[in-house]
Protein backbone atom coordinates (compact mmCIF):
# COMPACT_ATOMS: atom_id res chain seq x y z
CA MET A 1 -108.72 -100.23 -0.48
CA ILE A 2 -110.17 -103.23 1.37
CA GLN A 3 -113.90 -103.86 1.03
CA LEU A 4 -114.82 -105.24 4.45
CA LYS A 5 -117.63 -107.65 5.21
CA ALA A 6 -119.43 -107.93 8.53
CA GLY A 7 -117.16 -109.45 11.15
CA GLN A 8 -114.00 -109.09 9.08
CA ASN A 9 -110.97 -107.46 10.64
CA THR A 10 -107.59 -106.16 9.57
CA VAL A 11 -104.43 -104.89 11.23
CA LEU A 12 -103.89 -101.11 11.41
CA THR A 13 -100.31 -100.23 10.57
CA GLY A 14 -100.41 -96.43 10.83
CA ASP A 15 -100.52 -93.94 13.70
CA ILE A 16 -103.58 -91.84 12.83
CA VAL A 17 -106.91 -93.16 11.56
CA ARG A 18 -109.91 -91.13 10.37
CA PHE A 19 -113.49 -92.38 10.19
CA SER A 20 -116.15 -90.92 7.91
CA ALA A 21 -119.50 -92.12 6.61
CA LYS A 22 -122.13 -91.26 4.01
CA ALA A 23 -125.73 -92.27 3.41
CA GLY A 24 -128.85 -91.09 1.66
CA ALA A 25 -130.06 -89.59 4.96
CA ALA A 26 -128.34 -86.85 6.96
CA LEU A 27 -125.92 -88.39 9.45
CA ASP A 28 -124.32 -87.51 12.75
CA VAL A 29 -120.95 -89.10 13.47
CA SER A 30 -119.75 -89.90 17.00
CA ALA A 31 -117.42 -92.23 18.90
CA LEU A 32 -117.37 -94.17 22.15
CA VAL A 33 -114.12 -94.97 23.96
CA VAL A 34 -114.85 -98.20 25.82
CA ALA A 35 -113.23 -100.66 28.18
CA GLN A 36 -113.07 -104.43 27.69
CA ASN A 37 -116.73 -104.77 28.68
CA LEU A 38 -117.65 -102.37 25.84
CA ARG A 39 -118.83 -99.68 28.27
CA VAL A 40 -117.48 -96.16 28.74
CA LEU A 41 -115.52 -95.46 31.90
CA ASP A 42 -116.99 -91.96 32.29
CA THR A 43 -119.11 -89.46 30.37
CA GLY A 44 -116.01 -87.93 28.80
CA ASP A 45 -115.60 -91.07 26.69
CA PHE A 46 -118.56 -90.15 24.45
CA VAL A 47 -117.26 -87.92 21.64
CA PHE A 48 -120.01 -85.97 19.82
CA TYR A 49 -121.00 -82.45 18.78
CA ASN A 50 -121.10 -80.96 22.25
CA GLN A 51 -117.99 -82.81 23.42
CA THR A 52 -115.62 -83.06 20.51
CA GLU A 53 -112.53 -84.46 22.21
CA ALA A 54 -111.37 -87.32 24.40
CA ALA A 55 -107.84 -88.59 24.86
CA GLY A 56 -106.63 -89.44 21.36
CA VAL A 57 -110.08 -89.04 19.77
CA THR A 58 -111.31 -85.88 18.02
CA LEU A 59 -114.50 -85.05 16.15
CA SER A 60 -114.41 -82.52 13.30
CA GLU A 61 -116.39 -81.75 10.16
CA ASP A 62 -114.31 -84.42 8.39
CA GLY A 63 -115.29 -87.17 10.82
CA VAL A 64 -113.62 -88.84 13.80
CA THR A 65 -109.82 -88.84 14.02
CA ILE A 66 -108.02 -91.29 16.33
CA ARG A 67 -104.38 -90.85 17.30
CA LEU A 68 -103.77 -94.38 18.44
CA ALA A 69 -100.78 -93.67 20.67
CA GLU A 70 -102.79 -91.08 22.61
CA VAL A 71 -105.86 -93.19 23.40
CA ARG A 72 -106.14 -93.76 27.14
CA ALA A 73 -104.19 -96.81 28.22
CA ASP A 74 -107.14 -98.48 29.96
CA ALA A 75 -109.34 -98.28 26.86
CA GLN A 76 -109.90 -101.46 24.87
CA ALA A 77 -111.59 -100.02 21.79
CA VAL A 78 -113.12 -97.02 20.05
CA LEU A 79 -116.58 -97.65 18.59
CA LEU A 80 -117.34 -95.52 15.53
CA VAL A 81 -121.01 -94.60 15.31
CA VAL A 82 -123.45 -92.96 12.90
CA SER A 83 -126.99 -91.89 13.72
CA ALA A 84 -129.81 -89.97 12.10
CA ASP A 85 -129.46 -86.19 12.40
CA PRO A 86 -132.42 -85.17 14.60
CA ALA A 87 -132.39 -81.67 13.07
CA ALA A 88 -133.04 -83.11 9.60
CA PRO A 89 -136.37 -84.50 8.35
CA ALA A 90 -136.77 -88.14 9.32
CA ALA A 91 -136.02 -90.49 6.46
CA PRO A 92 -138.55 -93.29 5.89
CA GLY A 93 -137.12 -96.71 6.73
CA GLY A 94 -134.28 -95.46 8.92
CA LEU A 95 -130.79 -94.59 7.73
CA GLY A 96 -130.81 -96.66 4.58
CA ALA A 97 -127.54 -97.83 3.06
CA VAL A 98 -124.47 -96.49 4.86
CA THR A 99 -120.89 -96.55 3.60
CA ALA A 100 -118.25 -96.25 6.32
CA THR A 101 -114.66 -95.42 5.36
CA LEU A 102 -111.46 -95.56 7.38
CA ALA A 103 -108.31 -93.77 6.30
CA VAL A 104 -104.93 -94.58 7.82
CA ASP A 105 -102.40 -91.74 7.77
CA ASP A 106 -104.64 -89.93 5.23
CA ILE A 107 -104.80 -92.92 2.88
CA ALA A 108 -108.23 -94.52 2.41
CA THR A 109 -107.66 -98.08 3.64
CA ALA A 110 -110.97 -99.82 4.30
CA GLU A 111 -114.61 -99.42 3.34
CA PHE A 112 -117.64 -101.14 4.82
CA ALA A 113 -121.06 -101.06 3.16
CA ILE A 114 -123.97 -101.55 5.57
CA ASN A 115 -127.55 -102.11 4.48
CA PRO A 116 -129.84 -101.91 7.52
CA SER A 117 -133.15 -103.63 6.94
CA ALA A 118 -135.17 -103.08 10.12
CA GLY A 119 -135.51 -99.31 10.32
CA GLU A 120 -132.24 -98.74 12.19
CA THR A 121 -131.51 -95.08 12.94
CA ALA A 122 -128.17 -95.63 14.68
CA LEU A 123 -125.30 -97.94 13.79
CA ILE A 124 -121.97 -99.00 15.24
CA CYS A 125 -120.14 -99.13 11.93
CA LEU A 126 -116.57 -99.98 12.87
CA GLU A 127 -114.52 -100.88 15.90
CA VAL A 128 -110.87 -99.87 16.33
CA TYR A 129 -109.55 -102.17 19.04
CA ARG A 130 -106.38 -103.29 20.76
CA ARG A 131 -104.78 -106.68 20.33
CA GLY A 132 -101.69 -106.77 22.52
CA THR A 133 -99.50 -103.86 21.46
CA ASP A 134 -101.18 -103.58 18.07
CA TRP A 135 -104.43 -102.00 16.89
CA LYS A 136 -106.95 -103.65 14.58
CA LEU A 137 -110.11 -102.68 12.73
CA ARG A 138 -113.30 -104.73 12.71
CA ALA A 139 -116.43 -104.25 10.58
CA VAL A 140 -119.37 -104.30 12.99
CA GLY A 141 -122.66 -103.00 11.52
CA GLN A 142 -124.67 -103.35 14.75
CA GLY A 143 -127.99 -101.54 14.33
CA TYR A 144 -130.45 -99.83 16.70
CA ALA A 145 -133.94 -99.12 15.34
CA GLY A 146 -134.96 -96.46 17.86
CA GLY A 147 -131.90 -94.27 17.51
CA LEU A 148 -128.88 -93.31 19.53
CA ALA A 149 -130.39 -93.59 23.02
CA VAL A 150 -130.23 -97.33 23.64
CA LEU A 151 -126.96 -97.58 21.75
CA LEU A 152 -125.52 -95.19 24.32
CA THR A 153 -127.29 -96.79 27.25
CA ALA A 154 -125.99 -100.21 26.26
CA HIS A 155 -122.47 -98.81 26.43
CA GLY A 156 -122.79 -97.08 29.78
CA VAL A 157 -123.78 -93.52 28.81
CA GLU A 158 -126.69 -92.10 30.82
CA VAL A 159 -129.35 -90.31 28.76
CA ASP A 160 -132.13 -87.95 29.81
CA GLU A 161 -135.27 -86.42 28.37
CA PRO A 162 -135.16 -84.88 24.88
CA ALA A 163 -133.80 -81.38 24.58
CA THR A 164 -135.23 -79.15 21.89
CA PRO A 165 -132.49 -77.66 19.66
CA GLN A 166 -132.35 -73.88 19.75
CA SER A 167 -133.22 -72.05 16.58
CA GLY A 168 -130.17 -71.56 14.39
CA GLN A 169 -128.24 -74.30 16.21
CA PRO A 170 -129.61 -77.54 14.80
CA GLY A 171 -126.39 -79.45 15.43
CA GLN A 172 -125.92 -78.53 19.08
CA ARG A 173 -127.12 -81.17 21.50
CA SER A 174 -125.88 -83.20 24.41
CA ALA A 175 -126.31 -86.75 25.63
CA ALA A 176 -129.67 -85.57 26.94
CA GLY A 177 -132.53 -86.18 24.57
CA LEU A 178 -131.30 -89.55 23.34
CA ARG A 179 -133.99 -91.95 24.47
CA ASP A 180 -136.77 -94.37 23.45
CA ALA A 181 -134.74 -96.69 21.24
CA GLU A 182 -133.91 -100.36 21.14
CA PRO A 183 -131.11 -102.54 19.78
CA VAL A 184 -132.09 -104.51 16.71
CA SER A 185 -129.24 -106.65 15.46
CA ALA A 186 -125.55 -107.27 15.59
CA PRO A 187 -124.59 -108.60 12.18
CA GLY A 188 -120.95 -107.65 12.45
CA ARG A 189 -120.56 -109.51 15.72
CA ALA A 190 -122.90 -112.18 14.45
CA SER A 191 -124.39 -110.53 16.97
CA GLY A 192 -119.00 -115.47 42.63
CA GLN A 193 -119.73 -116.41 38.90
CA ASP A 194 -117.47 -118.50 36.64
CA THR A 195 -116.24 -116.40 33.76
CA ILE A 196 -114.94 -118.29 30.75
CA SER A 197 -111.40 -117.14 30.11
CA GLY A 198 -110.00 -117.11 26.61
CA PRO A 199 -106.75 -118.15 25.00
CA GLY A 200 -105.20 -114.71 25.37
CA SER A 201 -104.05 -114.66 21.75
CA ASP A 202 -104.54 -112.28 18.86
CA ASP A 203 -107.45 -112.73 16.48
CA SER A 204 -107.48 -112.75 12.69
CA ARG A 205 -110.91 -114.06 11.78
CA ALA A 206 -112.30 -113.08 8.42
CA GLY A 207 -115.99 -112.68 7.63
CA GLY A 208 -117.81 -115.71 6.30
CA PRO A 209 -116.61 -119.30 6.08
CA ALA A 210 -113.07 -118.47 4.95
CA PRO A 211 -110.36 -121.17 4.80
CA LEU A 212 -109.20 -121.90 8.32
CA GLU A 213 -105.52 -121.67 9.23
CA VAL A 214 -104.93 -124.79 11.32
CA ALA A 215 -102.12 -123.16 13.27
CA HIS A 216 -104.62 -120.59 14.52
CA GLY A 217 -107.55 -122.94 15.04
CA LEU A 218 -107.97 -122.03 18.70
CA GLU A 219 -108.15 -118.29 18.14
CA ARG A 220 -110.54 -118.74 15.21
CA LEU A 221 -112.95 -120.70 17.40
CA TRP A 222 -112.69 -118.07 20.12
CA MET A 223 -113.53 -115.36 17.61
CA ILE A 224 -116.64 -117.30 16.61
CA PHE A 225 -117.47 -117.59 20.30
CA GLU A 226 -117.07 -113.83 20.71
CA ASP A 227 -119.45 -113.23 17.80
CA ALA A 228 -121.96 -115.61 19.37
CA ALA A 229 -121.64 -113.87 22.74
CA ARG A 230 -122.29 -110.44 21.29
CA SER A 231 -125.26 -111.69 19.28
CA ALA A 232 -126.66 -113.31 22.43
CA ALA A 233 -126.21 -110.05 24.34
CA ALA A 234 -128.11 -108.15 21.63
CA LEU A 235 -130.98 -110.64 21.90
CA ILE A 236 -131.07 -110.47 25.69
CA SER A 237 -130.96 -106.67 25.62
CA SER A 238 -133.83 -106.50 23.13
CA ARG A 239 -135.97 -108.92 25.11
CA ASP A 240 -135.33 -107.00 28.33
CA TYR A 241 -136.08 -103.68 26.70
CA ALA A 242 -139.30 -104.98 25.15
CA MET A 243 -140.58 -106.30 28.47
CA GLN A 244 -139.63 -103.12 30.34
CA ARG A 245 -141.40 -100.97 27.75
CA LEU A 246 -144.44 -103.26 27.84
CA ASP A 247 -144.63 -102.93 31.62
CA GLN A 248 -144.42 -99.15 31.41
CA GLU A 249 -147.07 -98.92 28.68
CA LEU A 250 -149.44 -101.29 30.48
CA SER A 251 -149.03 -99.29 33.68
CA ALA A 252 -149.79 -96.08 31.80
CA ALA A 253 -152.90 -97.63 30.23
CA VAL A 254 -154.48 -98.36 33.63
CA SER A 255 -153.06 -95.44 35.61
CA ASP A 256 -156.26 -93.39 35.37
CA PRO A 257 -159.09 -95.05 37.32
CA ALA A 258 -161.63 -93.20 35.21
CA THR A 259 -160.46 -94.81 31.96
CA ARG A 260 -158.81 -98.08 32.91
CA ASN A 261 -161.88 -100.16 32.06
CA THR A 262 -162.70 -98.39 28.81
CA SER A 263 -162.25 -99.70 25.28
CA ALA A 264 -159.50 -97.10 24.74
CA ALA A 265 -157.49 -98.58 27.61
CA GLU A 266 -157.97 -102.08 26.21
CA ASP A 267 -156.82 -100.90 22.78
CA ALA A 268 -153.74 -99.35 24.39
CA ARG A 269 -152.95 -102.60 26.18
CA GLN A 270 -153.30 -104.62 23.00
CA SER A 271 -151.14 -102.17 21.04
CA ALA A 272 -148.48 -102.32 23.72
CA GLN A 273 -148.46 -106.12 23.59
CA ARG A 274 -148.19 -106.09 19.79
CA ARG A 275 -145.22 -103.71 19.93
CA CYS A 276 -143.55 -105.93 22.49
CA ASP A 277 -144.17 -109.09 20.45
CA ASP A 278 -142.94 -107.44 17.24
CA LEU A 279 -139.72 -106.23 18.85
CA ILE A 280 -138.95 -109.63 20.34
CA ALA A 281 -139.79 -111.37 17.05
CA THR A 282 -137.41 -109.06 15.17
CA ALA A 283 -134.62 -109.61 17.69
CA GLU A 284 -135.08 -113.38 17.63
CA SER A 285 -135.10 -113.41 13.83
CA ASN A 286 -131.84 -111.46 13.73
CA HIS A 287 -130.28 -113.74 16.33
CA LEU A 288 -131.36 -116.84 14.43
CA ARG A 289 -129.82 -115.41 11.24
CA ASP A 290 -126.56 -114.77 13.07
CA SER A 291 -126.63 -118.24 14.65
CA GLU A 292 -127.20 -119.97 11.32
CA GLN A 293 -124.22 -118.14 9.84
CA LEU A 294 -122.03 -119.17 12.76
CA MET A 295 -123.22 -122.78 12.53
CA ARG A 296 -122.17 -122.83 8.88
CA GLU A 297 -118.74 -121.46 9.84
CA LEU A 298 -118.36 -124.07 12.58
CA ALA A 299 -119.35 -126.94 10.27
CA ASP A 300 -116.81 -125.76 7.72
CA ALA A 301 -114.13 -125.36 10.39
CA ASP A 302 -114.72 -128.82 11.85
CA ARG A 303 -113.71 -130.41 8.55
CA GLN A 304 -110.36 -128.58 8.65
CA LEU A 305 -109.44 -128.42 12.33
CA PRO A 306 -106.80 -130.72 13.83
CA PRO A 307 -108.31 -133.59 15.84
CA SER A 308 -107.64 -132.05 19.25
CA LEU A 309 -110.05 -129.21 18.37
CA ALA A 310 -112.51 -131.19 16.29
CA THR A 311 -115.64 -133.19 17.10
CA TRP A 312 -115.50 -136.98 17.37
CA ASP A 313 -117.22 -137.20 13.97
CA SER A 314 -114.63 -135.06 12.18
CA PRO A 315 -112.60 -136.63 9.37
CA ALA A 316 -109.52 -135.23 11.13
CA TRP A 317 -109.37 -138.39 13.28
CA ASP A 318 -108.83 -140.47 10.12
CA ARG A 319 -106.01 -138.30 8.81
CA PRO A 320 -102.36 -138.30 9.93
CA PRO A 321 -102.18 -136.39 13.24
CA THR A 322 -101.46 -132.66 13.06
CA PRO A 323 -100.37 -130.40 15.95
CA SER A 324 -102.68 -127.87 17.53
CA ASP A 325 -102.53 -124.85 19.80
CA GLY A 326 -105.51 -125.97 21.87
CA ILE A 327 -107.93 -128.71 22.84
CA ARG A 328 -111.71 -128.94 22.74
CA LEU A 329 -113.48 -129.59 26.06
CA GLY A 330 -117.14 -129.49 25.06
CA GLU A 331 -119.87 -127.20 23.79
CA LEU A 332 -121.48 -124.07 25.20
CA TYR A 333 -125.16 -123.45 24.61
CA ALA A 334 -128.27 -121.69 25.92
CA ILE A 335 -131.56 -123.48 25.26
CA GLU A 336 -133.54 -120.25 25.49
CA ARG A 337 -131.44 -118.73 22.69
CA GLY A 338 -131.80 -121.45 20.08
CA PRO A 339 -129.79 -124.31 18.56
CA LEU A 340 -126.33 -122.72 18.36
CA ARG A 341 -123.62 -124.70 20.18
CA ILE A 342 -120.15 -123.20 20.43
CA PRO A 343 -117.00 -125.32 20.94
CA TYR A 344 -115.34 -124.56 24.26
CA CYS A 345 -111.59 -124.82 23.69
CA VAL A 346 -108.51 -123.92 25.75
CA PRO A 347 -104.77 -123.53 25.01
CA VAL A 348 -102.22 -126.30 25.47
CA PRO A 349 -100.09 -127.10 27.37
CA LEU A 350 -102.55 -126.65 30.24
CA THR A 351 -100.37 -124.24 32.19
CA ARG A 352 -103.61 -123.21 33.88
CA PRO A 353 -104.80 -126.58 35.19
CA LEU A 354 -108.21 -128.01 34.48
CA TRP A 355 -110.25 -128.87 37.56
CA ILE A 356 -113.16 -131.22 36.85
CA ASP A 357 -115.70 -130.59 39.60
CA THR A 358 -117.23 -133.88 40.73
CA GLU A 359 -118.13 -135.74 43.91
CA THR A 360 -117.29 -139.13 42.37
CA THR A 361 -114.30 -139.70 40.10
CA ALA A 362 -115.95 -142.64 38.36
CA ALA A 363 -118.72 -140.40 37.02
CA ALA A 364 -116.09 -138.15 35.42
CA THR A 365 -114.17 -140.96 33.69
CA PRO A 366 -115.65 -140.34 30.19
CA ILE A 367 -114.80 -136.63 30.57
CA VAL A 368 -111.23 -137.42 31.64
CA GLY A 369 -110.88 -139.83 28.72
CA ALA A 370 -111.97 -137.14 26.27
CA VAL A 371 -109.48 -134.64 27.71
CA LEU A 372 -106.63 -137.18 27.54
CA ALA A 373 -107.51 -138.15 23.95
CA ARG A 374 -107.25 -134.54 22.86
CA LEU A 375 -104.09 -133.85 24.86
CA LEU A 376 -102.46 -136.84 23.15
CA ALA A 377 -103.57 -135.55 19.74
CA ALA A 378 -102.47 -131.95 20.32
CA ASP A 379 -98.73 -132.51 20.03
CA PRO A 380 -98.02 -135.63 17.96
CA GLY A 381 -94.43 -134.57 17.33
CA ARG A 382 -93.43 -134.93 20.98
CA ARG A 383 -93.52 -137.90 23.29
CA THR A 384 -96.31 -137.71 25.87
CA LEU A 385 -95.86 -139.05 29.40
CA VAL A 386 -98.87 -139.35 31.71
CA ASP A 387 -98.56 -139.51 35.52
CA MET A 388 -101.89 -140.90 36.76
CA ILE A 389 -103.08 -140.76 40.37
CA ASP A 390 -106.22 -142.91 40.67
CA LEU A 391 -106.88 -143.90 44.28
CA THR A 392 -110.31 -145.40 43.58
CA GLY A 393 -109.39 -147.27 40.39
CA ALA A 394 -112.00 -145.31 38.46
CA PHE A 395 -109.78 -145.09 35.37
CA ALA A 396 -109.10 -148.82 35.02
CA GLN A 397 -110.75 -148.95 31.60
CA LEU A 398 -108.40 -146.27 30.32
CA VAL A 399 -105.18 -147.89 31.54
CA GLY A 400 -104.96 -150.46 28.73
CA PRO A 401 -105.14 -148.03 25.80
CA LEU A 402 -102.88 -145.55 27.65
CA THR A 403 -100.19 -148.02 28.71
CA PRO A 404 -97.66 -146.86 26.07
CA VAL A 405 -97.71 -143.30 27.45
CA LEU A 406 -98.06 -143.96 31.19
CA ASN A 407 -95.05 -142.95 33.29
CA GLY A 408 -95.25 -146.08 35.39
CA PRO A 409 -98.32 -147.81 36.81
CA PRO A 410 -101.18 -145.60 38.02
CA ILE A 411 -100.86 -144.65 41.67
CA THR A 412 -103.61 -146.32 43.67
CA ASP A 413 -101.97 -146.10 47.12
CA PHE A 414 -102.06 -142.69 48.80
CA GLY A 415 -98.61 -143.41 50.28
CA GLU A 416 -97.06 -143.16 46.81
CA ILE A 417 -98.54 -139.79 45.84
CA SER A 418 -95.90 -137.52 47.40
CA ALA A 419 -92.92 -139.21 45.73
CA ARG A 420 -94.50 -139.00 42.26
CA LEU A 421 -95.40 -135.32 42.68
CA GLN A 422 -91.98 -134.51 44.10
CA ALA A 423 -90.30 -136.04 41.05
CA LEU A 424 -92.25 -133.59 38.87
CA VAL A 425 -91.40 -130.69 41.18
CA ASP A 426 -87.70 -131.63 41.05
CA ALA A 427 -87.78 -131.68 37.25
CA ALA A 428 -89.50 -128.27 37.17
CA GLU A 429 -87.01 -126.76 39.61
CA LEU A 430 -84.05 -128.08 37.60
CA ALA A 431 -85.58 -126.54 34.49
CA GLU A 432 -85.98 -123.24 36.35
CA LEU A 433 -82.29 -123.30 37.34
CA ALA A 434 -81.33 -123.95 33.73
CA TYR A 435 -83.56 -121.09 32.64
CA SER A 436 -82.02 -118.71 35.17
CA SER A 437 -78.48 -119.64 34.10
CA GLY A 438 -79.21 -119.28 30.40
CA ASN A 439 -78.86 -123.01 29.69
CA PHE A 440 -82.54 -123.78 29.26
CA THR A 441 -83.73 -125.88 26.34
CA PRO A 442 -87.43 -126.30 25.53
CA PRO A 443 -88.93 -129.58 26.80
CA THR A 444 -88.92 -132.45 24.35
CA GLU A 445 -91.79 -134.21 26.10
CA HIS A 446 -95.37 -133.29 26.83
CA ARG A 447 -95.98 -134.24 30.47
CA VAL A 448 -99.51 -134.75 31.77
CA LEU A 449 -100.39 -134.97 35.46
CA LEU A 450 -103.80 -136.49 36.18
CA ALA A 451 -104.57 -136.08 39.89
CA ALA A 452 -107.90 -137.75 40.65
CA ASP A 453 -109.87 -137.98 43.92
CA PHE A 454 -108.30 -134.70 45.03
CA PRO A 455 -107.87 -133.63 47.82
CA HIS A 456 -109.00 -136.80 49.64
CA GLY A 457 -106.06 -139.04 50.46
CA TYR A 458 -103.52 -136.34 49.63
CA GLN A 459 -101.27 -134.76 52.25
CA ALA A 460 -101.17 -131.00 52.79
CA SER A 461 -97.67 -131.00 51.30
CA ASP A 462 -99.06 -132.61 48.12
CA ALA A 463 -101.30 -129.60 47.53
CA GLN A 464 -98.23 -127.41 47.96
CA ARG A 465 -96.34 -129.49 45.41
CA ILE A 466 -99.17 -129.11 42.90
CA ALA A 467 -99.15 -125.36 43.60
CA VAL A 468 -95.43 -125.31 42.72
CA LEU A 469 -96.20 -127.11 39.46
CA LEU A 470 -98.86 -124.51 38.76
CA MET A 471 -96.12 -121.86 38.69
CA ARG A 472 -93.26 -123.80 37.10
CA GLY A 473 -94.85 -126.69 35.22
CA ASP A 474 -94.65 -124.90 31.88
CA LEU A 475 -90.85 -125.29 32.01
CA ILE A 476 -91.26 -129.05 31.63
CA GLY A 477 -94.22 -128.85 29.23
CA LEU A 478 -96.69 -129.96 31.90
CA SER A 479 -100.47 -130.09 31.52
CA THR A 480 -102.32 -130.67 34.80
CA VAL A 481 -105.82 -132.12 35.20
CA ILE A 482 -107.36 -132.33 38.68
CA VAL A 483 -110.51 -134.33 39.41
CA GLY A 484 -112.36 -133.72 42.67
CA THR A 485 -114.61 -131.47 44.68
CA ASP A 486 -114.37 -127.71 44.20
CA GLU A 487 -112.20 -126.36 47.03
CA SER A 488 -112.40 -122.67 46.13
CA ASP A 489 -114.05 -121.89 49.49
CA SER A 490 -111.85 -124.20 51.54
CA SER A 491 -110.59 -123.01 54.92
CA ASP A 492 -107.21 -124.39 53.88
CA GLY A 493 -105.49 -121.44 52.24
CA THR A 494 -103.30 -123.54 49.95
CA LEU A 495 -106.24 -125.62 48.75
CA ALA A 496 -108.39 -122.53 48.17
CA MET A 497 -105.61 -120.76 46.26
CA LEU A 498 -104.94 -123.83 44.13
CA SER A 499 -108.62 -124.29 43.34
CA GLN A 500 -109.13 -120.62 42.50
CA SER A 501 -106.15 -120.73 40.12
CA CYS A 502 -107.62 -123.53 38.02
CA ARG A 503 -110.08 -123.56 35.15
CA HIS A 504 -113.14 -125.32 36.57
CA LEU A 505 -115.31 -127.61 34.48
CA PRO A 506 -118.69 -128.14 36.17
CA THR A 507 -120.29 -131.54 35.78
CA MET A 508 -123.57 -130.64 37.49
CA ASP A 509 -126.41 -129.58 35.18
CA GLY A 510 -127.55 -126.01 35.61
CA THR A 511 -124.15 -124.58 36.54
CA PRO A 512 -123.72 -121.52 34.31
CA LEU A 513 -120.52 -120.12 32.87
CA PHE A 514 -120.30 -116.49 31.78
CA ASP A 515 -118.54 -115.29 28.65
CA PRO A 516 -115.78 -112.68 29.11
CA TRP A 517 -117.16 -110.16 26.58
CA THR A 518 -120.78 -109.57 27.61
CA GLY A 519 -121.26 -111.65 30.76
CA SER A 520 -124.02 -113.71 29.14
CA ALA A 521 -124.76 -117.08 30.75
CA TRP A 522 -124.00 -120.36 28.97
CA GLN A 523 -124.37 -124.02 29.90
CA LEU A 524 -121.41 -126.35 29.30
CA ASP A 525 -121.94 -129.80 27.80
CA LEU A 526 -118.60 -131.55 28.31
CA ASP A 527 -117.38 -133.98 25.67
CA LEU A 528 -117.36 -137.66 26.65
CA LEU A 529 -115.00 -140.32 25.34
CA PRO A 530 -117.13 -142.90 23.50
CA ARG A 531 -117.50 -146.15 25.44
CA GLU A 532 -117.04 -148.53 22.49
CA PRO A 533 -113.52 -150.08 22.70
CA ALA A 534 -112.90 -149.68 18.98
CA ARG A 535 -113.73 -145.98 19.08
CA GLN A 536 -111.69 -145.47 22.24
CA ALA A 537 -108.67 -147.02 20.52
CA ARG A 538 -109.24 -144.70 17.56
CA PHE A 539 -109.25 -141.58 19.71
CA LEU A 540 -106.67 -142.51 22.37
CA ARG A 541 -103.76 -142.32 19.97
CA THR A 542 -100.58 -143.35 21.75
CA SER A 543 -98.24 -143.80 18.82
């Protein structure tokens, strides 16, 4: 049986899984069937004593049983929860140590020991979640000090005032009565807006700084990002809850005109402020702990990652080049949440084009240089050919180092744009014909299209050609990078569609991106190619 650590996951190979848990305190076991945003779709997705079944999920005296094939198709995961039994005497210090066990087809498969330290009375122990057509198990351990109420609220279940259990029926209760609680930590998760989209690949990240499989470097970094996003969401939720509760308690303290100026009212206000400060301090301490763990994992990973995913200071740039499944674009951060900076990486080839939002191409040159350096490093086993459109000559300093991989001189005359784009379209269409006839062979070259100053100086037909490459460019191994103003709201339908189909990289400070798991806001600090010629030559590997 596997002994899981927080954040660790494993593939589930059976059809039926059963969750159970034990602790020194009396426990209730429940489950939440949630969508990708970790929220229930309706009240029937909360499985507990008064509602013991949902599609594929059943609660019994033995625990929660999940028949994976029967779980609703639009569900992303089943969260497996324990909480203090309200009918039992309250245990000092919360739940205490909890051991969660998962059996697969009646064989005990995984065990996760959780040691809450902040008075938690409800825990998300494990998560059974989809990855493609498979199911996986993740050790979570996310704790809530106040009980089940905020755990449920955070996942979309509405809760009401407490209901007093009837005599002789201590276990019968509903979602009502689960209130006045707050999230504490998320150790298992390390716990018109632009949403950051991920690599769309499976995840296999183990807990702690385990050896990194280079072939899966991109997905490992995205799993770290997911952990950071969930930890950030726990911090934000705790801060919001603390301030809302403080506002309510301060309002209550002054609600009676006869007592609002008394010493009792002042004591109540001070007590409310202390409770607020203590809750926020606990949440920030937990978030800092999570962040420090993730920073250690990232530092360890950076020493092992291939250069296209590594920082400029990584020793990977001094080693023989190794292929990668993605490239690094920069770092995501939030100043108000501490020092953690998460690498922002995307898959290659760039079948979803990058669009660098800028009013002046020259200002984006160091960003473009960094992207090209990593594209060149991502696939050292194949020849790279770069088609560069540079109407303003902004990339002149890059031309020298890139000469060995340029597919002809950079285009600086708008009259030459259409012919160069059409040549790429013709190659893509020939590849599509070969694919349709069964004679397709994978491309032996990595093609890169760099279209700067877009859409100024381009014909309407050029935007259409780029749109064709958006759909068929993968057949010729094409990565596309567009540099220009954001045209997502353009009155030109083709331009707007093209812009909306790209992955936008904002260059203006204060433009937030939102992670796909919790919707938390992040700032993007794009990587810049160093200006020193010697360092540029080191990173712009062309042979």
